[in-house]
Amino acid sequence: MARKIAANYIYLPGKPLVKNSYVVVEEGQPVVVADTGGVLQDLAGLEFYGGMLVADFVYGQEDAFTEGEPLLPVLEALYAGQEEVCGIVLIEGADLRHLQWQAGARIRKL
């Protein structure tokens, strides 16, 4: 059964950064990134998480980030050479207004 998982931001390899959108996940793998244009609608079964959805291979990589550092360049470096995304994880506790890592931020599995 497919899951629809929404977040404040979604940033997956080979995809643009999207805001207030969702990912369709089947058998643990993201199959569609639905860009809502920043306006989420009520959808049956939609799960919302505060934070940024990223590729699963970022899990456990908190030490790659420094407080106050922009998220996207670090994620791009982690994504370099990675082609297959097998799942998604959530960065929570980051400064999403400025898209920066902050103290207390973490990466967790969904």
PDB file of N, CA and C in Angstrom:
ATOM      1  N   MET A   1       0.824  -1.177   0.000  1.00  0.00           N
ATOM      2  CA  MET A   1       0.000   0.000   0.000  1.00  0.00           C
ATOM      3  C   MET A   1       0.876   1.251   0.000  1.00  0.00           C
ATOM      4  N   ALA A   2       0.526   2.205  -0.804  1.00  0.00           N
ATOM      5  CA  ALA A   2       1.301   3.443  -0.924  1.00  0.00           C
ATOM      6  C   ALA A   2       1.008   4.376   0.238  1.00  0.00           C
ATOM      7  N   ARG A   3       2.043   5.092   0.656  1.00  0.00           N
ATOM      8  CA  ARG A   3       1.904   6.147   1.662  1.00  0.00           C
ATOM      9  C   ARG A   3       2.107   7.485   0.971  1.00  0.00           C
ATOM     10  N   LYS A   4       1.392   8.491   1.413  1.00  0.00           N
ATOM     11  CA  LYS A   4       1.605   9.862   0.961  1.00  0.00           C
ATOM     12  C   LYS A   4       2.150  10.630   2.162  1.00  0.00           C
ATOM     13  N   ILE A   5       3.396  11.082   2.042  1.00  0.00           N
ATOM     14  CA  ILE A   5       4.073  11.724   3.155  1.00  0.00           C
ATOM     15  C   ILE A   5       4.420  13.157   2.764  1.00  0.00           C
ATOM     16  N   ALA A   6       3.897  14.111   3.523  1.00  0.00           N
ATOM     17  CA  ALA A   6       4.118  15.527   3.260  1.00  0.00           C
ATOM     18  C   ALA A   6       5.041  16.119   4.318  1.00  0.00           C
ATOM     19  N   ALA A   7       5.697  17.214   3.944  1.00  0.00           N
ATOM     20  CA  ALA A   7       6.560  17.934   4.876  1.00  0.00           C
ATOM     21  C   ALA A   7       6.677  19.378   4.421  1.00  0.00           C
ATOM     22  N   ASN A   8       7.312  20.174   5.285  1.00  0.00           N
ATOM     23  CA  ASN A   8       7.534  21.576   4.929  1.00  0.00           C
ATOM     24  C   ASN A   8       8.366  21.693   3.658  1.00  0.00           C
ATOM     25  N   TYR A   9       9.385  20.832   3.541  1.00  0.00           N
ATOM     26  CA  TYR A   9      10.240  20.814   2.351  1.00  0.00           C
ATOM     27  C   TYR A   9      10.555  19.371   1.973  1.00  0.00           C
ATOM     28  N   ILE A  10      10.795  19.173   0.693  1.00  0.00           N
ATOM     29  CA  ILE A  10      11.244  17.883   0.181  1.00  0.00           C
ATOM     30  C   ILE A  10      12.427  18.168  -0.729  1.00  0.00           C
ATOM     31  N   TYR A  11      13.531  17.446  -0.495  1.00  0.00           N
ATOM     32  CA  TYR A  11      14.708  17.606  -1.351  1.00  0.00           C
ATOM     33  C   TYR A  11      15.339  16.240  -1.566  1.00  0.00           C
ATOM     34  N   LEU A  12      15.119  15.684  -2.744  1.00  0.00           N
ATOM     35  CA  LEU A  12      15.649  14.371  -3.108  1.00  0.00           C
ATOM     36  C   LEU A  12      16.619  14.508  -4.278  1.00  0.00           C
ATOM     37  N   PRO A  13      17.564  13.578  -4.416  1.00  0.00           N
ATOM     38  CA  PRO A  13      18.532  13.660  -5.515  1.00  0.00           C
ATOM     39  C   PRO A  13      17.834  13.751  -6.873  1.00  0.00           C
ATOM     40  N   GLY A  14      18.329  14.660  -7.690  1.00  0.00           N
ATOM     41  CA  GLY A  14      17.798  14.817  -9.039  1.00  0.00           C
ATOM     42  C   GLY A  14      16.471  15.536  -9.111  1.00  0.00           C
ATOM     43  N   LYS A  15      15.988  16.020  -7.981  1.00  0.00           N
ATOM     44  CA  LYS A  15      14.699  16.722  -7.920  1.00  0.00           C
ATOM     45  C   LYS A  15      14.925  18.123  -7.357  1.00  0.00           C
ATOM     46  N   PRO A  16      14.101  19.076  -7.765  1.00  0.00           N
ATOM     47  CA  PRO A  16      14.228  20.413  -7.166  1.00  0.00           C
ATOM     48  C   PRO A  16      13.675  20.426  -5.747  1.00  0.00           C
ATOM     49  N   LEU A  17      14.087  21.412  -4.973  1.00  0.00           N
ATOM     50  CA  LEU A  17      13.535  21.629  -3.643  1.00  0.00           C
ATOM     51  C   LEU A  17      12.080  22.053  -3.806  1.00  0.00           C
ATOM     52  N   VAL A  18      11.175  21.387  -3.101  1.00  0.00           N
ATOM     53  CA  VAL A  18       9.764  21.764  -3.138  1.00  0.00           C
ATOM     54  C   VAL A  18       9.286  22.040  -1.721  1.00  0.00           C
ATOM     55  N   LYS A  19       8.355  22.979  -1.616  1.00  0.00           N
ATOM     56  CA  LYS A  19       7.826  23.400  -0.321  1.00  0.00           C
ATOM     57  C   LYS A  19       6.382  22.948  -0.180  1.00  0.00           C
ATOM     58  N   ASN A  20       6.045  22.491   1.031  1.00  0.00           N
ATOM     59  CA  ASN A  20       4.675  22.074   1.355  1.00  0.00           C
ATOM     60  C   ASN A  20       4.095  21.158   0.277  1.00  0.00           C
ATOM     61  N   SER A  21       4.785  20.084   0.032  1.00  0.00           N
ATOM     62  CA  SER A  21       4.381  19.104  -0.974  1.00  0.00           C
ATOM     63  C   SER A  21       4.450  17.717  -0.360  1.00  0.00           C
ATOM     64  N   TYR A  22       4.287  16.688  -1.182  1.00  0.00           N
ATOM     65  CA  TYR A  22       4.313  15.335  -0.625  1.00  0.00           C
ATOM     66  C   TYR A  22       4.986  14.354  -1.572  1.00  0.00           C
ATOM     67  N   VAL A  23       5.381  13.224  -0.983  1.00  0.00           N
ATOM     68  CA  VAL A  23       6.018  12.133  -1.705  1.00  0.00           C
ATOM     69  C   VAL A  23       5.102  10.922  -1.607  1.00  0.00           C
ATOM     70  N   VAL A  24       4.932  10.219  -2.714  1.00  0.00           N
ATOM     71  CA  VAL A  24       4.226   8.941  -2.691  1.00  0.00           C
ATOM     72  C   VAL A  24       5.293   7.866  -2.544  1.00  0.00           C
ATOM     73  N   VAL A  25       5.143   7.043  -1.506  1.00  0.00           N
ATOM     74  CA  VAL A  25       6.125   6.003  -1.193  1.00  0.00           C
ATOM     75  C   VAL A  25       5.455   4.642  -1.334  1.00  0.00           C
ATOM     76  N   GLU A  26       6.056   3.794  -2.157  1.00  0.00           N
ATOM     77  CA  GLU A  26       5.563   2.426  -2.326  1.00  0.00           C
ATOM     78  C   GLU A  26       6.683   1.464  -1.971  1.00  0.00           C
ATOM     79  N   GLU A  27       6.380   0.506  -1.103  1.00  0.00           N
ATOM     80  CA  GLU A  27       7.359  -0.473  -0.630  1.00  0.00           C
ATOM     81  C   GLU A  27       8.631   0.217  -0.141  1.00  0.00           C
ATOM     82  N   GLY A  28       8.451   1.342   0.552  1.00  0.00           N
ATOM     83  CA  GLY A  28       9.561   2.071   1.137  1.00  0.00           C
ATOM     84  C   GLY A  28      10.285   3.013   0.205  1.00  0.00           C
ATOM     85  N   GLN A  29      10.001   2.960  -1.081  1.00  0.00           N
ATOM     86  CA  GLN A  29      10.706   3.791  -2.054  1.00  0.00           C
ATOM     87  C   GLN A  29       9.847   4.953  -2.527  1.00  0.00           C
ATOM     88  N   PRO A  30      10.447   6.160  -2.608  1.00  0.00           N
ATOM     89  CA  PRO A  30       9.706   7.287  -3.153  1.00  0.00           C
ATOM     90  C   PRO A  30       9.522   7.098  -4.662  1.00  0.00           C
ATOM     91  N   VAL A  31       8.285   7.137  -5.120  1.00  0.00           N
ATOM     92  CA  VAL A  31       8.026   6.927  -6.550  1.00  0.00           C
ATOM     93  C   VAL A  31       7.539   8.193  -7.232  1.00  0.00           C
ATOM     94  N   VAL A  32       6.973   9.109  -6.473  1.00  0.00           N
ATOM     95  CA  VAL A  32       6.485  10.370  -7.039  1.00  0.00           C
ATOM     96  C   VAL A  32       6.725  11.481  -6.022  1.00  0.00           C
ATOM     97  N   VAL A  33       7.285  12.599  -6.494  1.00  0.00           N
ATOM     98  CA  VAL A  33       7.323  13.816  -5.689  1.00  0.00           C
ATOM     99  C   VAL A  33       6.274  14.729  -6.292  1.00  0.00           C
ATOM    100  N   ALA A  34       5.204  14.945  -5.536  1.00  0.00           N
ATOM    101  CA  ALA A  34       4.098  15.769  -6.011  1.00  0.00           C
ATOM    102  C   ALA A  34       4.340  17.210  -5.575  1.00  0.00           C
ATOM    103  N   ASP A  35       4.624  18.091  -6.522  1.00  0.00           N
ATOM    104  CA  ASP A  35       4.835  19.507  -6.235  1.00  0.00           C
ATOM    105  C   ASP A  35       3.478  20.195  -6.233  1.00  0.00           C
ATOM    106  N   THR A  36       3.035  20.616  -5.077  1.00  0.00           N
ATOM    107  CA  THR A  36       1.714  21.228  -4.936  1.00  0.00           C
ATOM    108  C   THR A  36       1.743  22.732  -5.164  1.00  0.00           C
ATOM    109  N   GLY A  37       2.900  23.257  -5.516  1.00  0.00           N
ATOM    110  CA  GLY A  37       3.023  24.699  -5.650  1.00  0.00           C
ATOM    111  C   GLY A  37       3.005  25.406  -4.306  1.00  0.00           C
ATOM    112  N   GLY A  38       3.275  24.662  -3.256  1.00  0.00           N
ATOM    113  CA  GLY A  38       3.341  25.226  -1.915  1.00  0.00           C
ATOM    114  C   GLY A  38       2.018  25.251  -1.173  1.00  0.00           C
ATOM    115  N   VAL A  39       0.964  24.672  -1.795  1.00  0.00           N
ATOM    116  CA  VAL A  39      -0.351  24.668  -1.151  1.00  0.00           C
ATOM    117  C   VAL A  39      -0.816  23.226  -1.013  1.00  0.00           C
ATOM    118  N   LEU A  40      -0.760  22.719   0.212  1.00  0.00           N
ATOM    119  CA  LEU A  40      -1.203  21.350   0.468  1.00  0.00           C
ATOM    120  C   LEU A  40      -2.722  21.293   0.582  1.00  0.00           C
ATOM    121  N   GLN A  41      -3.306  20.332  -0.061  1.00  0.00           N
ATOM    122  CA  GLN A  41      -4.743  20.093   0.031  1.00  0.00           C
ATOM    123  C   GLN A  41      -4.955  18.890   0.951  1.00  0.00           C
ATOM    124  N   ASP A  42      -6.147  18.787   1.509  1.00  0.00           N
ATOM    125  CA  ASP A  42      -6.489  17.596   2.281  1.00  0.00           C
ATOM    126  C   ASP A  42      -6.597  16.414   1.328  1.00  0.00           C
ATOM    127  N   LEU A  43      -5.797  15.403   1.572  1.00  0.00           N
ATOM    128  CA  LEU A  43      -5.839  14.171   0.788  1.00  0.00           C
ATOM    129  C   LEU A  43      -6.038  13.012   1.752  1.00  0.00           C
ATOM    130  N   ALA A  44      -6.839  12.067   1.364  1.00  0.00           N
ATOM    131  CA  ALA A  44      -7.055  10.888   2.204  1.00  0.00           C
ATOM    132  C   ALA A  44      -5.728  10.193   2.474  1.00  0.00           C
ATOM    133  N   GLY A  45      -5.446   9.937   3.729  1.00  0.00           N
ATOM    134  CA  GLY A  45      -4.246   9.193   4.101  1.00  0.00           C
ATOM    135  C   GLY A  45      -2.963   9.999   4.091  1.00  0.00           C
ATOM    136  N   LEU A  46      -3.024  11.302   3.883  1.00  0.00           N
ATOM    137  CA  LEU A  46      -1.813  12.125   3.842  1.00  0.00           C
ATOM    138  C   LEU A  46      -1.239  12.279   5.249  1.00  0.00           C
ATOM    139  N   GLU A  47       0.041  11.939   5.398  1.00  0.00           N
ATOM    140  CA  GLU A  47       0.759  12.098   6.665  1.00  0.00           C
ATOM    141  C   GLU A  47       1.618  13.355   6.541  1.00  0.00           C
ATOM    142  N   PHE A  48       1.566  14.241   7.517  1.00  0.00           N
ATOM    143  CA  PHE A  48       2.383  15.460   7.481  1.00  0.00           C
ATOM    144  C   PHE A  48       3.409  15.432   8.603  1.00  0.00           C
ATOM    145  N   TYR A  49       4.656  15.793   8.262  1.00  0.00           N
ATOM    146  CA  TYR A  49       5.737  15.884   9.241  1.00  0.00           C
ATOM    147  C   TYR A  49       6.386  17.253   9.113  1.00  0.00           C
ATOM    148  N   GLY A  50       6.654  17.875  10.240  1.00  0.00           N
ATOM    149  CA  GLY A  50       7.357  19.150  10.238  1.00  0.00           C
ATOM    150  C   GLY A  50       8.838  18.916  10.029  1.00  0.00           C
ATOM    151  N   GLY A  51       9.366  19.431   8.940  1.00  0.00           N
ATOM    152  CA  GLY A  51      10.786  19.277   8.643  1.00  0.00           C
ATOM    153  C   GLY A  51      11.015  19.135   7.155  1.00  0.00           C
ATOM    154  N   MET A  52      12.120  18.475   6.806  1.00  0.00           N
ATOM    155  CA  MET A  52      12.511  18.294   5.406  1.00  0.00           C
ATOM    156  C   MET A  52      12.706  16.810   5.119  1.00  0.00           C
ATOM    157  N   LEU A  53      12.002  16.308   4.117  1.00  0.00           N
ATOM    158  CA  LEU A  53      12.190  14.927   3.673  1.00  0.00           C
ATOM    159  C   LEU A  53      13.397  14.873   2.750  1.00  0.00           C
ATOM    160  N   VAL A  54      14.305  13.940   3.023  1.00  0.00           N
ATOM    161  CA  VAL A  54      15.515  13.770   2.231  1.00  0.00           C
ATOM    162  C   VAL A  54      15.744  12.275   1.989  1.00  0.00           C
ATOM    163  N   ALA A  55      16.723  11.956   1.169  1.00  0.00           N
ATOM    164  CA  ALA A  55      17.042  10.566   0.839  1.00  0.00           C
ATOM    165  C   ALA A  55      17.520   9.805   2.079  1.00  0.00           C
ATOM    166  N   ASP A  56      17.176   8.529   2.129  1.00  0.00           N
ATOM    167  CA  ASP A  56      17.470   7.684   3.283  1.00  0.00           C
ATOM    168  C   ASP A  56      18.951   7.555   3.602  1.00  0.00           C
ATOM    169  N   PHE A  57      19.825   7.691   2.622  1.00  0.00           N
ATOM    170  CA  PHE A  57      21.244   7.502   2.912  1.00  0.00           C
ATOM    171  C   PHE A  57      21.845   8.682   3.678  1.00  0.00           C
ATOM    172  N   VAL A  58      21.049   9.709   3.976  1.00  0.00           N
ATOM    173  CA  VAL A  58      21.487  10.815   4.823  1.00  0.00           C
ATOM    174  C   VAL A  58      21.361  10.426   6.306  1.00  0.00           C
ATOM    175  N   TYR A  59      20.564   9.380   6.572  1.00  0.00           N
ATOM    176  CA  TYR A  59      20.356   8.934   7.958  1.00  0.00           C
ATOM    177  C   TYR A  59      21.698   8.620   8.613  1.00  0.00           C
ATOM    178  N   GLY A  60      21.876   9.140   9.824  1.00  0.00           N
ATOM    179  CA  GLY A  60      23.118   8.898  10.558  1.00  0.00           C
ATOM    180  C   GLY A  60      24.250   9.838  10.190  1.00  0.00           C
ATOM    181  N   GLN A  61      23.974  10.818   9.339  1.00  0.00           N
ATOM    182  CA  GLN A  61      25.020  11.729   8.858  1.00  0.00           C
ATOM    183  C   GLN A  61      24.968  13.100   9.544  1.00  0.00           C
ATOM    184  N   GLU A  62      24.409  13.179  10.734  1.00  0.00           N
ATOM    185  CA  GLU A  62      24.320  14.471  11.427  1.00  0.00           C
ATOM    186  C   GLU A  62      25.672  15.156  11.553  1.00  0.00           C
ATOM    187  N   ASP A  63      26.742  14.379  11.667  1.00  0.00           N
ATOM    188  CA  ASP A  63      28.070  14.979  11.818  1.00  0.00           C
ATOM    189  C   ASP A  63      28.548  15.688  10.557  1.00  0.00           C
ATOM    190  N   ALA A  64      27.850  15.515   9.428  1.00  0.00           N
ATOM    191  CA  ALA A  64      28.201  16.224   8.190  1.00  0.00           C
ATOM    192  C   ALA A  64      27.742  17.679   8.240  1.00  0.00           C
ATOM    193  N   PHE A  65      26.861  17.997   9.186  1.00  0.00           N
ATOM    194  CA  PHE A  65      26.284  19.334   9.287  1.00  0.00           C
ATOM    195  C   PHE A  65      26.915  20.108  10.436  1.00  0.00           C
ATOM    196  N   THR A  66      27.015  21.425  10.257  1.00  0.00           N
ATOM    197  CA  THR A  66      27.530  22.320  11.281  1.00  0.00           C
ATOM    198  C   THR A  66      26.450  23.341  11.603  1.00  0.00           C
ATOM    199  N   GLU A  67      26.319  23.696  12.859  1.00  0.00           N
ATOM    200  CA  GLU A  67      25.300  24.660  13.261  1.00  0.00           C
ATOM    201  C   GLU A  67      25.426  25.955  12.448  1.00  0.00           C
ATOM    202  N   GLY A  68      24.303  26.421  11.911  1.00  0.00           N
ATOM    203  CA  GLY A  68      24.265  27.648  11.122  1.00  0.00           C
ATOM    204  C   GLY A  68      24.591  27.453   9.653  1.00  0.00           C
ATOM    205  N   GLU A  69      24.981  26.235   9.293  1.00  0.00           N
ATOM    206  CA  GLU A  69      25.359  25.948   7.915  1.00  0.00           C
ATOM    207  C   GLU A  69      24.115  25.690   7.055  1.00  0.00           C
ATOM    208  N   PRO A  70      24.098  26.226   5.822  1.00  0.00           N
ATOM    209  CA  PRO A  70      22.973  25.952   4.925  1.00  0.00           C
ATOM    210  C   PRO A  70      22.832  24.454   4.648  1.00  0.00           C
ATOM    211  N   LEU A  71      21.597  23.966   4.616  1.00  0.00           N
ATOM    212  CA  LEU A  71      21.334  22.542   4.412  1.00  0.00           C
ATOM    213  C   LEU A  71      21.631  22.068   2.992  1.00  0.00           C
ATOM    214  N   LEU A  72      21.213  22.841   1.996  1.00  0.00           N
ATOM    215  CA  LEU A  72      21.265  22.339   0.622  1.00  0.00           C
ATOM    216  C   LEU A  72      22.664  21.991   0.124  1.00  0.00           C
ATOM    217  N   PRO A  73      23.700  22.823   0.354  1.00  0.00           N
ATOM    218  CA  PRO A  73      25.034  22.413  -0.114  1.00  0.00           C
ATOM    219  C   PRO A  73      25.521  21.116   0.536  1.00  0.00           C
ATOM    220  N   VAL A  74      25.213  20.922   1.810  1.00  0.00           N
ATOM    221  CA  VAL A  74      25.637  19.692   2.492  1.00  0.00           C
ATOM    222  C   VAL A  74      24.890  18.500   1.900  1.00  0.00           C
ATOM    223  N   LEU A  75      23.582  18.659   1.687  1.00  0.00           N
ATOM    224  CA  LEU A  75      22.811  17.571   1.086  1.00  0.00           C
ATOM    225  C   LEU A  75      23.306  17.263  -0.321  1.00  0.00           C
ATOM    226  N   GLU A  76      23.618  18.294  -1.105  1.00  0.00           N
ATOM    227  CA  GLU A  76      24.143  18.062  -2.454  1.00  0.00           C
ATOM    228  C   GLU A  76      25.441  17.269  -2.406  1.00  0.00           C
ATOM    229  N   ALA A  77      26.306  17.577  -1.441  1.00  0.00           N
ATOM    230  CA  ALA A  77      27.561  16.826  -1.303  1.00  0.00           C
ATOM    231  C   ALA A  77      27.281  15.376  -0.907  1.00  0.00           C
ATOM    232  N   LEU A  78      26.334  15.160   0.002  1.00  0.00           N
ATOM    233  CA  LEU A  78      25.980  13.799   0.401  1.00  0.00           C
ATOM    234  C   LEU A  78      25.326  13.033  -0.752  1.00  0.00           C
ATOM    235  N   TYR A  79      24.607  13.745  -1.612  1.00  0.00           N
ATOM    236  CA  TYR A  79      23.930  13.117  -2.741  1.00  0.00           C
ATOM    237  C   TYR A  79      24.878  12.805  -3.897  1.00  0.00           C
ATOM    238  N   ALA A  80      26.033  13.448  -3.934  1.00  0.00           N
ATOM    239  CA  ALA A  80      26.974  13.259  -5.051  1.00  0.00           C
ATOM    240  C   ALA A  80      27.307  11.776  -5.218  1.00  0.00           C
ATOM    241  N   GLY A  81      27.129  11.284  -6.406  1.00  0.00           N
ATOM    242  CA  GLY A  81      27.444   9.897  -6.720  1.00  0.00           C
ATOM    243  C   GLY A  81      26.373   8.904  -6.310  1.00  0.00           C
ATOM    244  N   GLN A  82      25.350   9.363  -5.637  1.00  0.00           N
ATOM    245  CA  GLN A  82      24.257   8.486  -5.223  1.00  0.00           C
ATOM    246  C   GLN A  82      23.144   8.582  -6.261  1.00  0.00           C
ATOM    247  N   GLU A  83      22.771   7.494  -6.832  1.00  0.00           N
ATOM    248  CA  GLU A  83      21.752   7.517  -7.859  1.00  0.00           C
ATOM    249  C   GLU A  83      20.428   6.929  -7.388  1.00  0.00           C
ATOM    250  N   GLU A  84      20.480   5.900  -6.568  1.00  0.00           N
ATOM    251  CA  GLU A  84      19.253   5.212  -6.181  1.00  0.00           C
ATOM    252  C   GLU A  84      18.838   5.596  -4.768  1.00  0.00           C
ATOM    253  N   VAL A  85      17.622   6.065  -4.664  1.00  0.00           N
ATOM    254  CA  VAL A  85      17.052   6.395  -3.360  1.00  0.00           C
ATOM    255  C   VAL A  85      16.150   5.238  -2.965  1.00  0.00           C
ATOM    256  N   CYS A  86      16.464   4.611  -1.846  1.00  0.00           N
ATOM    257  CA  CYS A  86      15.684   3.449  -1.406  1.00  0.00           C
ATOM    258  C   CYS A  86      14.622   3.816  -0.387  1.00  0.00           C
ATOM    259  N   GLY A  87      14.639   5.017   0.094  1.00  0.00           N
ATOM    260  CA  GLY A  87      13.665   5.453   1.078  1.00  0.00           C
ATOM    261  C   GLY A  87      13.861   6.912   1.407  1.00  0.00           C
ATOM    262  N   ILE A  88      13.078   7.387   2.365  1.00  0.00           N
ATOM    263  CA  ILE A  88      13.202   8.779   2.787  1.00  0.00           C
ATOM    264  C   ILE A  88      13.318   8.836   4.301  1.00  0.00           C
ATOM    265  N   VAL A  89      13.960   9.907   4.766  1.00  0.00           N
ATOM    266  CA  VAL A  89      14.076  10.190   6.190  1.00  0.00           C
ATOM    267  C   VAL A  89      13.722  11.657   6.396  1.00  0.00           C
ATOM    268  N   LEU A  90      13.594  12.056   7.641  1.00  0.00           N
ATOM    269  CA  LEU A  90      13.159  13.405   7.978  1.00  0.00           C
ATOM    270  C   LEU A  90      14.234  14.141   8.753  1.00  0.00           C
ATOM    271  N   ILE A  91      14.585  15.341   8.271  1.00  0.00           N
ATOM    272  CA  ILE A  91      15.409  16.259   9.060  1.00  0.00           C
ATOM    273  C   ILE A  91      14.426  17.115   9.847  1.00  0.00           C
ATOM    274  N   GLU A  92      14.503  17.044  11.162  1.00  0.00           N
ATOM    275  CA  GLU A  92      13.610  17.863  11.978  1.00  0.00           C
ATOM    276  C   GLU A  92      14.428  18.685  12.962  1.00  0.00           C
ATOM    277  N   GLY A  93      13.887  19.829  13.326  1.00  0.00           N
ATOM    278  CA  GLY A  93      14.566  20.708  14.264  1.00  0.00           C
ATOM    279  C   GLY A  93      15.532  21.668  13.609  1.00  0.00           C
ATOM    280  N   ALA A  94      15.631  21.650  12.286  1.00  0.00           N
ATOM    281  CA  ALA A  94      16.491  22.599  11.573  1.00  0.00           C
ATOM    282  C   ALA A  94      15.762  23.935  11.458  1.00  0.00           C
ATOM    283  N   ASP A  95      16.490  24.979  11.152  1.00  0.00           N
ATOM    284  CA  ASP A  95      15.915  26.307  10.910  1.00  0.00           C
ATOM    285  C   ASP A  95      15.388  26.307   9.479  1.00  0.00           C
ATOM    286  N   LEU A  96      14.103  26.033   9.331  1.00  0.00           N
ATOM    287  CA  LEU A  96      13.531  25.928   7.981  1.00  0.00           C
ATOM    288  C   LEU A  96      13.293  27.289   7.337  1.00  0.00           C
ATOM    289  N   ARG A  97      13.190  28.307   8.133  1.00  0.00           N
ATOM    290  CA  ARG A  97      13.035  29.653   7.560  1.00  0.00           C
ATOM    291  C   ARG A  97      14.271  30.021   6.727  1.00  0.00           C
ATOM    292  N   HIS A  98      15.440  29.636   7.236  1.00  0.00           N
ATOM    293  CA  HIS A  98      16.696  29.949   6.558  1.00  0.00           C
ATOM    294  C   HIS A  98      17.350  28.715   5.930  1.00  0.00           C
ATOM    295  N   LEU A  99      16.693  27.570   6.057  1.00  0.00           N
ATOM    296  CA  LEU A  99      17.220  26.294   5.559  1.00  0.00           C
ATOM    297  C   LEU A  99      18.639  26.051   6.058  1.00  0.00           C
ATOM    298  N   GLN A 100      18.787  26.143   7.388  1.00  0.00           N
ATOM    299  CA  GLN A 100      20.076  25.935   8.032  1.00  0.00           C
ATOM    300  C   GLN A 100      19.962  24.882   9.126  1.00  0.00           C
ATOM    301  N   TRP A 101      21.065  24.185   9.325  1.00  0.00           N
ATOM    302  CA  TRP A 101      21.172  23.234  10.430  1.00  0.00           C
ATOM    303  C   TRP A 101      21.285  24.036  11.716  1.00  0.00           C
ATOM    304  N   GLN A 102      20.673  23.560  12.785  1.00  0.00           N
ATOM    305  CA  GLN A 102      20.839  24.220  14.079  1.00  0.00           C
ATOM    306  C   GLN A 102      21.005  23.172  15.167  1.00  0.00           C
ATOM    307  N   ALA A 103      21.510  23.645  16.297  1.00  0.00           N
ATOM    308  CA  ALA A 103      21.729  22.746  17.429  1.00  0.00           C
ATOM    309  C   ALA A 103      20.414  22.044  17.771  1.00  0.00           C
ATOM    310  N   GLY A 104      20.495  20.777  18.032  1.00  0.00           N
ATOM    311  CA  GLY A 104      19.311  19.991  18.385  1.00  0.00           C
ATOM    312  C   GLY A 104      18.602  19.373  17.191  1.00  0.00           C
ATOM    313  N   ALA A 105      18.980  19.746  15.979  1.00  0.00           N
ATOM    314  CA  ALA A 105      18.385  19.129  14.793  1.00  0.00           C
ATOM    315  C   ALA A 105      18.798  17.669  14.740  1.00  0.00           C
ATOM    316  N   ARG A 106      17.949  16.863  14.106  1.00  0.00           N
ATOM    317  CA  ARG A 106      18.263  15.439  13.987  1.00  0.00           C
ATOM    318  C   ARG A 106      17.664  14.886  12.717  1.00  0.00           C
ATOM    319  N   ILE A 107      18.121  13.706  12.368  1.00  0.00           N
ATOM    320  CA  ILE A 107      17.608  12.999  11.202  1.00  0.00           C
ATOM    321  C   ILE A 107      16.984  11.715  11.711  1.00  0.00           C
ATOM    322  N   ARG A 108      15.728  11.495  11.356  1.00  0.00           N
ATOM    323  CA  ARG A 108      15.069  10.284  11.854  1.00  0.00           C
ATOM    324  C   ARG A 108      14.336   9.550  10.741  1.00  0.00           C
ATOM    325  N   LYS A 109      14.235   8.240  10.959  1.00  0.00           N
ATOM    326  CA  LYS A 109      13.499   7.390  10.028  1.00  0.00           C
ATOM    327  C   LYS A 109      12.012   7.582  10.248  1.00  0.00           C
ATOM    328  N   LEU A 110      11.254   7.407   9.202  1.00  0.00           N
ATOM    329  CA  LEU A 110       9.796   7.524   9.309  1.00  0.00           C
ATOM    330  C   LEU A 110       9.181   6.138   9.365  1.00  0.00           C
TER     331      LEU A 110
END
